[in-house]
Amino acid sequence: MLSSNSSLKQTLSGFHLWGIAVGLVISGSFFGWSYGWASAGTLGFLIVVLLIALMYCCFIFSLTELSTAIPHAGGPFAYALRAFGPTIGFFAGFATLIEFVFAPPAIAMAIGAYINVQFPFINTKLIACTAFLLFMGLNIIGVHIAATFELVVTLLAIFALILFMVIVAPTFSWEHFANNGWGGQNQFHFSTIEGMLAATPFAIWFFLAIEGASMAAEEAKDPQRTIPKALGAGIITVTILALFIMLFAGGAKGDWRLLANINDPLPQAMKAVVGGKSIWLTMLVWLGLFGLIASLHGIIMGYSRQIFSLAREGYLPSCLAKVNKYTHTPYLAILAGGFVGIGAIFSDSLIIIANQPLTASIMTVAAFGALLMYIISMASLFKLRRSEPNLHRPFKALLYPFAPFFAMVMSMLCLITMALYNLELAGCFIGFMGIGYLYFLATQSSRNKLNQ
C-alpha cells in the first residue's frame, strides 16, 4: 500500500477553480486558431467553432455531474473506472495523460518564441525550458499558491483580450469579416466542407483541456457546490472570448487572409489598426504572454494530478503518487511530466513527424487524447445512470440525455475527421496507447496486490 502521504489538501475556492478552467485554455485565444481560416475561411470556420463550442458546452455541463458525484483527482479516469472497470478506466486515464503531458511543450515553445521576438539573442528552447522549470517549481510549492498565481495571470490575459477588442472595435466591419469567407471565396461551395473538416483541430484548440479543472476536485472546498459553478462559468467565459476575438480580428481594418497561418494573429490585427509603434500594441504583446503562461501553468497542474491518480491506483509506478508532507503536492508526478515535456522541447528540431516539428505535431496528438477521453466520459455518464441510479448527484447533466449524446457523437465525428486528415499522427497516438496498454497488462498482478 502507499504511504499515508498520498492524499491532497482541500484549499481551493470556486474562484480558484474558475481561474484554472479558463487559464487552462486561454492561450487558445492568442494563437493556433487562425490556422483554421486558411482552410475554411472566416465564415466556414465560424460555423465549425460554433459547433465545437456547442459540443464543449454539452460536454462540460455533462461532465459536471460526474465530477461532483465522484470528486477524484483522476477525473475521467475515475469515472470510467467506476463505470466500466479497469480496462476502460485505463484507456480514459491514458488518453487524458497524453492530452495533458503533450500540450505543455507546445505552449512552452510558444512562450519561448514570444520572448525571442523581443530578445532575439536568447535561445528559444532555453526560454521554454526555463518557463517549464519555473512553473513546475511553483506547482510543487503548494496548490493554493499555484492556483492563486493561475487566477492572477488568467485575469491579466482576459484583460489583454478585452484591450484588443476595444482597440480594434471601431474599425470592425462585417464586410471585412465575410469577404472571401467561404474557404477563400464569396459563395459557399462544396470544397468549403472539406476545408471546414480540416479546420476542426484549430476550433478544438480554443477549448482543449478546460475539463482539467475537474481534476482539482480533491483539492476544492465543497466540490459539490464549487465545481458546477466554476466549470459552468468557465466554459461560458471561454466561449464568449473565442467568438468575439475571432470576429473582431477578422472584421478589423485590413485583410483577414494576412492573419491566417501565423502564430500572432492578434498583434498583427491590432498593428493594422494602430501601427507598429503604438504603445497599445506593445502592451498587447506583453500582456498576451500571460495567456500562454496561464495555460502552461494550469496544464502542469492538470497532468500532475492525472499522473498522481493513475499511480495511486497502480496504473503507473506507485512512487509517482507520493505527496510532499509539507506542501501536500504530488511533486514526483510534477517532475515526471516535466521530464517528458523538456525532452520534447529539446527534440523539437530533431524529430519531424508529418513534415512538421515535434511540438507542432504533439498538439494534434494531444487533441486525439482529448477526444477519446470525451467519448469515454460521456459513455461513463450513461452507464452510471443505469448501473448506479441512487448515486448521489449534487448536479445533474443539463438536457440529459440529449446534451451528453450530442457531445459524444460530435467527439466521435471530430476524432474520425482528425484521423482522416492526420493519418500519420493518428498512428502515433495509437502507438502511444498501445505501449501504455502493454504496461497495463504487465502490471496486472501488482495492481491486484495494491487493491487487496
Protein backbone atom coordinates (compact mmCIF):
# COMPACT_ATOMS: atom_id res chain seq x y z
CA MET A 1 0.00 0.00 0.00
CA LEU A 2 1.02 3.59 -0.49
CA SER A 3 2.19 5.71 2.38
CA SER A 4 -0.20 7.95 4.22
CA ASN A 5 1.26 10.83 2.25
CA SER A 6 -0.95 10.05 -0.77
CA SER A 7 -3.82 12.46 -0.28
CA LEU A 8 -4.31 16.03 -1.41
CA LYS A 9 -5.34 19.06 0.64
CA GLN A 10 -8.66 20.85 0.12
CA THR A 11 -7.79 24.54 -0.20
CA LEU A 12 -9.29 25.81 -3.49
CA SER A 13 -12.31 28.11 -3.75
CA GLY A 14 -14.76 28.29 -6.64
CA PHE A 15 -12.97 31.41 -7.91
CA HIS A 16 -9.70 29.46 -7.97
CA LEU A 17 -11.36 26.66 -9.94
CA TRP A 18 -12.80 29.15 -12.43
CA GLY A 19 -9.32 30.61 -12.89
CA ILE A 20 -7.90 27.14 -13.50
CA ALA A 21 -10.67 26.25 -16.01
CA VAL A 22 -10.24 29.44 -18.05
CA GLY A 23 -6.47 29.61 -17.64
CA LEU A 24 -6.04 26.08 -18.98
CA VAL A 25 -7.36 27.10 -22.40
CA ILE A 26 -6.99 30.87 -22.70
CA SER A 27 -3.78 30.56 -24.72
CA GLY A 28 -6.02 29.19 -27.48
CA SER A 29 -7.45 32.69 -27.94
CA PHE A 30 -3.99 34.11 -28.59
CA PHE A 31 -2.56 31.65 -31.10
CA GLY A 32 -3.33 28.49 -33.06
CA TRP A 33 -6.97 29.09 -34.01
CA SER A 34 -6.29 31.35 -37.02
CA TYR A 35 -4.87 28.39 -38.96
CA GLY A 36 -8.50 27.34 -39.36
CA TRP A 37 -9.10 30.39 -41.54
CA ALA A 38 -6.54 29.14 -44.06
CA SER A 39 -8.63 26.11 -44.98
CA ALA A 40 -12.21 27.08 -44.08
CA GLY A 41 -12.27 30.88 -44.40
CA THR A 42 -13.81 33.13 -41.77
CA LEU A 43 -17.44 32.12 -42.34
CA GLY A 44 -16.70 28.42 -42.72
CA PHE A 45 -14.55 28.44 -39.62
CA LEU A 46 -17.18 30.39 -37.68
CA ILE A 47 -19.65 27.55 -38.26
CA VAL A 48 -17.06 24.99 -37.16
CA VAL A 49 -16.28 26.97 -33.98
CA LEU A 50 -19.98 27.31 -33.13
CA LEU A 51 -20.46 23.54 -33.46
CA ILE A 52 -17.35 22.78 -31.39
CA ALA A 53 -18.41 25.36 -28.78
CA LEU A 54 -21.81 23.66 -28.54
CA MET A 55 -20.08 20.30 -28.19
CA TYR A 56 -17.90 21.59 -25.35
CA CYS A 57 -20.82 23.25 -23.57
CA CYS A 58 -22.78 19.99 -23.70
CA PHE A 59 -19.71 18.07 -22.58
CA ILE A 60 -18.82 20.32 -19.65
CA PHE A 61 -22.37 20.52 -18.29
CA SER A 62 -22.49 16.71 -18.52
CA LEU A 63 -19.01 16.15 -17.07
CA THR A 64 -20.01 18.29 -14.09
CA GLU A 65 -22.44 15.59 -12.99
CA LEU A 66 -19.57 13.09 -12.87
CA SER A 67 -17.09 15.44 -11.20
CA THR A 68 -19.49 16.30 -8.37
CA ALA A 69 -20.71 12.74 -7.88
CA ILE A 70 -17.15 11.35 -7.97
CA PRO A 71 -14.78 14.15 -6.86
CA HIS A 72 -11.47 12.50 -7.72
CA ALA A 73 -8.08 13.82 -8.88
CA GLY A 74 -8.16 11.34 -11.77
CA GLY A 75 -11.21 12.98 -13.30
CA PRO A 76 -12.28 10.99 -16.41
CA PHE A 77 -10.09 8.06 -15.36
CA ALA A 78 -12.02 7.71 -12.11
CA TYR A 79 -15.40 7.97 -13.83
CA ALA A 80 -14.56 5.31 -16.43
CA LEU A 81 -13.01 3.03 -13.80
CA ARG A 82 -16.18 3.12 -11.74
CA ALA A 83 -18.47 2.72 -14.75
CA PHE A 84 -16.65 0.11 -16.83
CA GLY A 85 -13.81 -1.31 -14.78
CA PRO A 86 -10.00 -1.30 -15.08
CA THR A 87 -9.53 -1.72 -18.85
CA ILE A 88 -11.77 1.15 -19.99
CA GLY A 89 -10.52 3.12 -17.00
CA PHE A 90 -7.01 2.70 -18.35
CA PHE A 91 -7.98 3.96 -21.81
CA ALA A 92 -9.69 7.03 -20.34
CA GLY A 93 -6.80 7.75 -17.99
CA PHE A 94 -4.04 7.23 -20.52
CA ALA A 95 -5.83 9.29 -23.18
CA THR A 96 -6.15 12.12 -20.65
CA LEU A 97 -2.49 11.70 -19.75
CA ILE A 98 -1.46 12.07 -23.40
CA GLU A 99 -3.59 15.20 -23.72
CA PHE A 100 -2.13 16.89 -20.66
CA VAL A 101 1.51 15.76 -20.94
CA PHE A 102 1.81 16.56 -24.64
CA ALA A 103 0.22 20.02 -24.66
CA PRO A 104 2.70 21.85 -22.32
CA PRO A 105 5.82 21.56 -24.55
CA ALA A 106 3.99 23.25 -27.44
CA ILE A 107 2.85 26.10 -25.18
CA ALA A 108 6.32 26.44 -23.63
CA MET A 109 7.84 26.72 -27.11
CA ALA A 110 5.27 29.42 -27.94
CA ILE A 111 6.39 31.33 -24.82
CA GLY A 112 9.98 30.96 -25.99
CA ALA A 113 9.14 32.27 -29.45
CA TYR A 114 7.12 35.13 -27.96
CA ILE A 115 10.02 36.36 -25.79
CA ASN A 116 12.58 35.68 -28.52
CA VAL A 117 10.85 38.32 -30.68
CA GLN A 118 11.69 40.94 -28.06
CA PHE A 119 15.07 39.45 -27.11
CA PRO A 120 16.42 37.57 -30.16
CA PHE A 121 19.77 36.90 -28.51
CA ILE A 122 18.11 34.48 -26.02
CA ASN A 123 17.67 30.90 -27.28
CA THR A 124 14.00 29.93 -27.71
CA LYS A 125 14.44 26.45 -26.22
CA LEU A 126 16.27 27.86 -23.21
CA ILE A 127 13.35 30.21 -22.53
CA ALA A 128 10.86 27.37 -22.96
CA CYS A 129 12.72 25.09 -20.54
CA THR A 130 13.18 27.89 -18.02
CA ALA A 131 9.43 28.58 -18.10
CA PHE A 132 8.71 24.87 -17.70
CA LEU A 133 11.02 24.54 -14.69
CA LEU A 134 9.71 27.73 -13.09
CA PHE A 135 6.08 26.64 -13.16
CA MET A 136 6.91 23.10 -12.14
CA GLY A 137 8.56 24.61 -9.06
CA LEU A 138 5.57 26.84 -8.38
CA ASN A 139 3.26 23.82 -8.53
CA ILE A 140 5.46 21.93 -6.09
CA ILE A 141 5.49 24.81 -3.57
CA GLY A 142 1.76 24.48 -2.91
CA VAL A 143 -1.56 24.17 -4.70
CA HIS A 144 -3.10 27.27 -3.10
CA ILE A 145 -0.15 29.44 -4.16
CA ALA A 146 -0.14 27.85 -7.62
CA ALA A 147 -3.90 28.32 -8.06
CA THR A 148 -3.74 31.93 -6.88
CA PHE A 149 -0.99 32.64 -9.39
CA GLU A 150 -3.07 30.94 -12.08
CA LEU A 151 -6.03 33.15 -11.23
CA VAL A 152 -3.95 36.35 -11.42
CA VAL A 153 -2.34 35.58 -14.79
CA THR A 154 -5.70 34.44 -16.19
CA LEU A 155 -7.29 37.76 -15.24
CA LEU A 156 -4.39 39.61 -16.87
CA ALA A 157 -4.80 37.52 -20.03
CA ILE A 158 -8.52 38.30 -20.15
CA PHE A 159 -7.70 41.98 -19.75
CA ALA A 160 -5.36 41.69 -22.75
CA LEU A 161 -8.13 40.17 -24.87
CA ILE A 162 -10.58 42.88 -23.83
CA LEU A 163 -7.95 45.53 -24.62
CA PHE A 164 -7.56 44.06 -28.11
CA MET A 165 -11.32 44.09 -28.74
CA VAL A 166 -11.73 47.68 -27.51
CA ILE A 167 -8.88 48.95 -29.71
CA VAL A 168 -9.95 47.26 -32.95
CA ALA A 169 -13.74 47.54 -32.47
CA PRO A 170 -14.09 51.00 -34.13
CA THR A 171 -12.78 49.56 -37.40
CA PHE A 172 -14.92 46.41 -37.32
CA SER A 173 -16.88 45.69 -40.46
CA TRP A 174 -18.94 42.61 -41.28
CA GLU A 175 -17.92 43.10 -44.91
CA HIS A 176 -14.27 42.77 -43.88
CA PHE A 177 -15.04 39.60 -41.96
CA ALA A 178 -17.22 37.96 -44.63
CA ASN A 179 -15.10 38.88 -47.66
CA ASN A 180 -13.87 35.61 -49.24
CA GLY A 181 -15.19 33.95 -46.09
CA TRP A 182 -16.11 30.58 -47.61
CA GLY A 183 -12.71 28.96 -47.99
CA GLY A 184 -11.34 31.96 -49.90
CA GLN A 185 -14.47 32.58 -51.99
CA ASN A 186 -17.54 34.76 -51.52
CA GLN A 187 -20.04 31.96 -52.12
CA PHE A 188 -20.42 28.68 -50.28
CA HIS A 189 -19.21 25.77 -52.39
CA PHE A 190 -18.69 22.04 -51.93
CA SER A 191 -14.93 22.30 -51.36
CA THR A 192 -15.66 24.55 -48.37
CA ILE A 193 -16.94 21.49 -46.49
CA GLU A 194 -13.58 19.77 -46.88
CA GLY A 195 -11.85 22.89 -45.61
CA MET A 196 -14.20 23.08 -42.64
CA LEU A 197 -13.45 19.47 -41.73
CA ALA A 198 -9.71 20.14 -41.95
CA ALA A 199 -10.15 23.16 -39.63
CA THR A 200 -11.67 21.08 -36.82
CA PRO A 201 -8.45 20.74 -34.71
CA PHE A 202 -7.99 24.52 -34.71
CA ALA A 203 -11.53 25.07 -33.41
CA ILE A 204 -10.87 22.49 -30.69
CA TRP A 205 -7.73 24.44 -29.72
CA PHE A 206 -9.99 27.22 -28.39
CA PHE A 207 -11.33 24.84 -25.71
CA LEU A 208 -8.82 22.00 -25.36
CA ALA A 209 -8.13 20.95 -21.73
CA ILE A 210 -10.82 23.01 -19.98
CA GLU A 211 -12.01 19.77 -18.40
CA GLY A 212 -8.75 19.71 -16.44
CA ALA A 213 -10.37 21.81 -13.73
CA SER A 214 -12.33 18.70 -12.68
CA MET A 215 -9.02 17.09 -11.68
CA ALA A 216 -8.74 19.63 -8.87
CA ALA A 217 -11.89 18.18 -7.27
CA GLU A 218 -9.99 16.58 -4.37
CA GLU A 219 -8.38 19.94 -3.58
CA ALA A 220 -11.58 22.00 -3.82
CA LYS A 221 -13.55 23.27 -0.85
CA ASP A 222 -17.10 21.90 -1.01
CA PRO A 223 -16.62 20.43 -4.53
CA GLN A 224 -20.34 19.62 -4.92
CA ARG A 225 -21.07 23.37 -4.96
CA THR A 226 -17.92 24.95 -6.33
CA ILE A 227 -17.23 22.66 -9.31
CA PRO A 228 -20.57 23.23 -11.13
CA LYS A 229 -20.25 26.99 -10.76
CA ALA A 230 -16.59 27.06 -11.79
CA LEU A 231 -16.90 24.76 -14.81
CA GLY A 232 -20.15 26.36 -15.98
CA ALA A 233 -18.80 29.89 -15.68
CA GLY A 234 -15.51 28.76 -17.22
CA ILE A 235 -16.98 27.32 -20.43
CA ILE A 236 -19.24 30.35 -20.86
CA THR A 237 -16.27 32.71 -20.39
CA VAL A 238 -14.10 30.83 -22.87
CA THR A 239 -16.87 30.58 -25.48
CA ILE A 240 -17.66 34.31 -25.37
CA LEU A 241 -13.97 35.24 -25.61
CA ALA A 242 -13.36 32.85 -28.51
CA LEU A 243 -16.26 34.11 -30.60
CA PHE A 244 -15.62 37.81 -30.04
CA ILE A 245 -11.85 37.56 -30.55
CA MET A 246 -12.36 35.74 -33.84
CA LEU A 247 -15.00 38.20 -35.04
CA PHE A 248 -13.04 41.34 -34.13
CA ALA A 249 -9.77 40.00 -35.56
CA GLY A 250 -11.40 39.06 -38.85
CA GLY A 251 -13.54 42.15 -39.19
CA ALA A 252 -10.92 44.74 -38.24
CA LYS A 253 -9.17 47.00 -40.69
CA GLY A 254 -7.15 45.02 -43.24
CA ASP A 255 -7.44 41.61 -44.90
CA TRP A 256 -8.07 38.64 -42.60
CA ARG A 257 -6.18 36.38 -45.02
CA LEU A 258 -2.96 38.00 -43.81
CA LEU A 259 -3.71 36.63 -40.32
CA ALA A 260 -4.17 33.00 -41.42
CA ASN A 261 -1.18 30.67 -41.00
CA ILE A 262 0.62 32.90 -38.47
CA ASN A 263 1.24 32.46 -34.74
CA ASP A 264 0.41 36.04 -33.70
CA PRO A 265 -2.96 36.99 -35.28
CA LEU A 266 -3.98 39.45 -32.55
CA PRO A 267 -0.86 41.66 -32.58
CA GLN A 268 -0.92 41.70 -36.38
CA ALA A 269 -4.62 42.62 -36.46
CA MET A 270 -4.02 45.43 -33.96
CA LYS A 271 -0.92 46.56 -35.87
CA ALA A 272 -3.09 47.17 -38.95
CA VAL A 273 -5.28 49.46 -36.82
CA VAL A 274 -2.82 51.40 -34.62
CA GLY A 275 0.51 50.97 -36.40
CA GLY A 276 3.65 49.08 -35.44
CA LYS A 277 4.98 51.65 -32.93
CA SER A 278 1.84 52.10 -30.83
CA ILE A 279 2.07 51.70 -27.07
CA TRP A 280 -1.18 49.73 -27.25
CA LEU A 281 0.47 47.14 -29.49
CA THR A 282 3.41 46.80 -27.12
CA MET A 283 1.03 46.41 -24.19
CA LEU A 284 -0.94 43.70 -26.00
CA VAL A 285 2.21 41.74 -26.83
CA TRP A 286 3.42 41.70 -23.23
CA LEU A 287 0.00 41.10 -21.69
CA GLY A 288 -0.62 38.34 -24.23
CA LEU A 289 2.30 36.48 -22.73
CA PHE A 290 0.17 35.94 -19.61
CA GLY A 291 -2.29 33.89 -21.67
CA LEU A 292 0.44 31.43 -22.59
CA ILE A 293 1.74 31.38 -19.02
CA ALA A 294 -1.73 30.68 -17.63
CA SER A 295 -2.23 27.68 -19.91
CA LEU A 296 1.25 26.23 -19.34
CA HIS A 297 0.97 26.61 -15.58
CA GLY A 298 -2.58 25.22 -15.48
CA ILE A 299 -1.82 22.19 -17.63
CA ILE A 300 1.21 21.34 -15.49
CA MET A 301 -1.20 21.27 -12.58
CA GLY A 302 -3.55 19.06 -14.61
CA TYR A 303 -1.01 16.49 -15.79
CA SER A 304 0.44 16.13 -12.31
CA ARG A 305 -2.97 15.22 -10.87
CA GLN A 306 -3.57 12.70 -13.64
CA ILE A 307 -0.17 11.04 -13.12
CA PHE A 308 -0.75 11.08 -9.35
CA SER A 309 -4.17 9.46 -9.71
CA LEU A 310 -3.04 6.75 -12.13
CA ALA A 311 -0.08 5.92 -9.90
CA ARG A 312 -2.24 5.79 -6.78
CA GLU A 313 -4.42 3.16 -8.46
CA GLY A 314 -1.43 1.15 -9.73
CA TYR A 315 -1.62 2.14 -13.41
CA LEU A 316 1.76 3.88 -13.18
CA PRO A 317 4.69 3.27 -10.77
CA SER A 318 3.39 3.85 -7.24
CA CYS A 319 6.24 6.22 -6.35
CA LEU A 320 4.60 8.83 -8.59
CA ALA A 321 1.70 9.02 -6.12
CA LYS A 322 3.87 10.36 -3.31
CA VAL A 323 2.77 13.70 -1.86
CA ASN A 324 5.17 16.12 -0.20
CA LYS A 325 4.37 16.08 3.52
CA TYR A 326 4.92 19.84 3.83
CA THR A 327 3.29 21.22 0.67
CA HIS A 328 0.74 18.40 0.04
CA THR A 329 1.57 18.43 -3.69
CA PRO A 330 2.38 15.40 -5.92
CA TYR A 331 5.95 16.51 -6.53
CA LEU A 332 7.21 13.37 -8.28
CA ALA A 333 4.26 13.46 -10.68
CA ILE A 334 5.08 17.09 -11.48
CA LEU A 335 8.72 16.21 -12.13
CA ALA A 336 7.87 13.15 -14.26
CA GLY A 337 5.62 15.10 -16.63
CA GLY A 338 8.19 17.87 -16.80
CA PHE A 339 10.89 15.40 -17.80
CA VAL A 340 8.78 14.34 -20.80
CA GLY A 341 7.95 17.95 -21.69
CA ILE A 342 11.52 19.23 -21.56
CA GLY A 343 12.66 16.22 -23.56
CA ALA A 344 10.11 17.12 -26.25
CA ILE A 345 11.33 20.74 -26.31
CA PHE A 346 14.95 19.73 -26.94
CA SER A 347 13.82 17.16 -29.55
CA ASP A 348 11.73 19.73 -31.44
CA SER A 349 14.11 20.20 -34.36
CA LEU A 350 15.47 16.65 -34.22
CA ILE A 351 12.22 14.72 -34.65
CA ILE A 352 9.99 15.54 -37.62
CA ILE A 353 6.51 13.98 -37.80
CA ALA A 354 4.06 14.67 -40.63
CA ASN A 355 6.53 17.17 -42.12
CA GLN A 356 6.37 19.46 -39.10
CA PRO A 357 8.39 19.98 -35.87
CA LEU A 358 7.69 17.70 -32.94
CA THR A 359 5.94 20.28 -30.74
CA ALA A 360 3.57 21.18 -33.59
CA SER A 361 2.68 17.52 -34.13
CA ILE A 362 2.07 16.72 -30.49
CA MET A 363 -0.62 19.41 -30.32
CA THR A 364 -2.68 17.23 -32.67
CA VAL A 365 -1.79 14.06 -30.74
CA ALA A 366 -2.99 15.81 -27.57
CA ALA A 367 -6.30 16.53 -29.30
CA PHE A 368 -6.67 12.84 -30.18
CA GLY A 369 -6.28 12.01 -26.49
CA ALA A 370 -8.85 14.61 -25.50
CA LEU A 371 -11.49 13.41 -27.96
CA LEU A 372 -11.13 9.76 -26.94
CA MET A 373 -11.47 10.80 -23.32
CA TYR A 374 -14.61 12.84 -24.09
CA ILE A 375 -16.24 9.81 -25.73
CA ILE A 376 -15.44 7.51 -22.81
CA SER A 377 -16.56 10.11 -20.25
CA MET A 378 -19.99 10.53 -21.85
CA ALA A 379 -20.33 6.75 -22.14
CA SER A 380 -19.49 6.55 -18.41
CA LEU A 381 -22.24 9.05 -17.65
CA PHE A 382 -24.83 6.91 -19.45
CA LYS A 383 -23.53 3.72 -17.83
CA LEU A 384 -23.58 5.10 -14.28
CA ARG A 385 -27.09 6.46 -14.75
CA ARG A 386 -28.18 2.86 -15.40
CA SER A 387 -25.90 0.91 -13.05
CA GLU A 388 -25.97 3.35 -10.08
CA PRO A 389 -29.28 5.22 -10.21
CA ASN A 390 -29.02 6.00 -6.48
CA LEU A 391 -25.57 7.57 -6.69
CA HIS A 392 -25.63 10.97 -5.01
CA ARG A 393 -25.59 13.53 -7.83
CA PRO A 394 -25.47 17.10 -6.48
CA PHE A 395 -25.57 18.36 -10.08
CA LYS A 396 -27.33 16.55 -12.91
CA ALA A 397 -26.36 16.88 -16.56
CA LEU A 398 -28.39 19.54 -18.32
CA LEU A 399 -30.76 18.36 -21.07
CA TYR A 400 -29.98 14.71 -20.34
CA PRO A 401 -29.77 12.52 -22.44
CA PHE A 402 -29.64 14.85 -25.44
CA ALA A 403 -26.69 17.06 -24.41
CA PRO A 404 -24.27 14.24 -23.46
CA PHE A 405 -25.33 12.26 -26.54
CA PHE A 406 -24.60 15.25 -28.77
CA ALA A 407 -21.22 15.73 -27.08
CA MET A 408 -20.35 12.06 -27.57
CA VAL A 409 -21.41 11.92 -31.22
CA MET A 410 -19.63 15.18 -32.06
CA SER A 411 -16.47 13.90 -30.36
CA MET A 412 -16.65 10.73 -32.46
CA LEU A 413 -17.07 12.73 -35.67
CA CYS A 414 -14.17 15.02 -34.74
CA LEU A 415 -11.96 12.05 -33.90
CA ILE A 416 -12.71 10.38 -37.25
CA THR A 417 -12.22 13.64 -39.14
CA MET A 418 -8.88 14.34 -37.48
CA ALA A 419 -7.71 10.79 -38.15
CA LEU A 420 -8.57 11.09 -41.86
CA TYR A 421 -6.61 14.33 -42.20
CA ASN A 422 -3.74 13.27 -39.91
CA LEU A 423 -3.14 9.57 -40.60
CA GLU A 424 0.50 9.61 -39.51
CA LEU A 425 -0.28 11.37 -36.22
CA ALA A 426 -3.27 9.10 -35.63
CA GLY A 427 -0.84 6.19 -35.96
CA CYS A 428 1.45 7.80 -33.39
CA PHE A 429 -1.46 8.21 -30.97
CA ILE A 430 -2.48 4.56 -31.41
CA GLY A 431 1.15 3.58 -30.86
CA PHE A 432 1.36 5.50 -27.58
CA MET A 433 -1.91 3.98 -26.40
CA GLY A 434 -0.64 0.51 -27.36
CA ILE A 435 2.58 0.93 -25.37
CA GLY A 436 0.56 2.09 -22.38
CA TYR A 437 -1.77 -0.88 -22.70
CA LEU A 438 1.17 -3.32 -22.70
CA TYR A 439 2.33 -1.75 -19.43
CA PHE A 440 -1.21 -2.05 -18.10
CA LEU A 441 -1.24 -5.79 -18.88
CA ALA A 442 2.27 -6.35 -17.50
CA THR A 443 1.44 -4.75 -14.13
CA GLN A 444 -1.88 -6.52 -13.56
CA SER A 445 -0.59 -8.70 -10.70
CA SER A 446 0.99 -5.81 -8.78
CA ARG A 447 -2.25 -3.82 -9.21
CA ASN A 448 -4.24 -6.70 -7.76
CA LYS A 449 -1.96 -6.76 -4.70
CA LEU A 450 -2.34 -2.99 -4.26
CA ASN A 451 -6.13 -3.27 -4.22
CA GLN A 452 -6.27 -6.20 -1.79
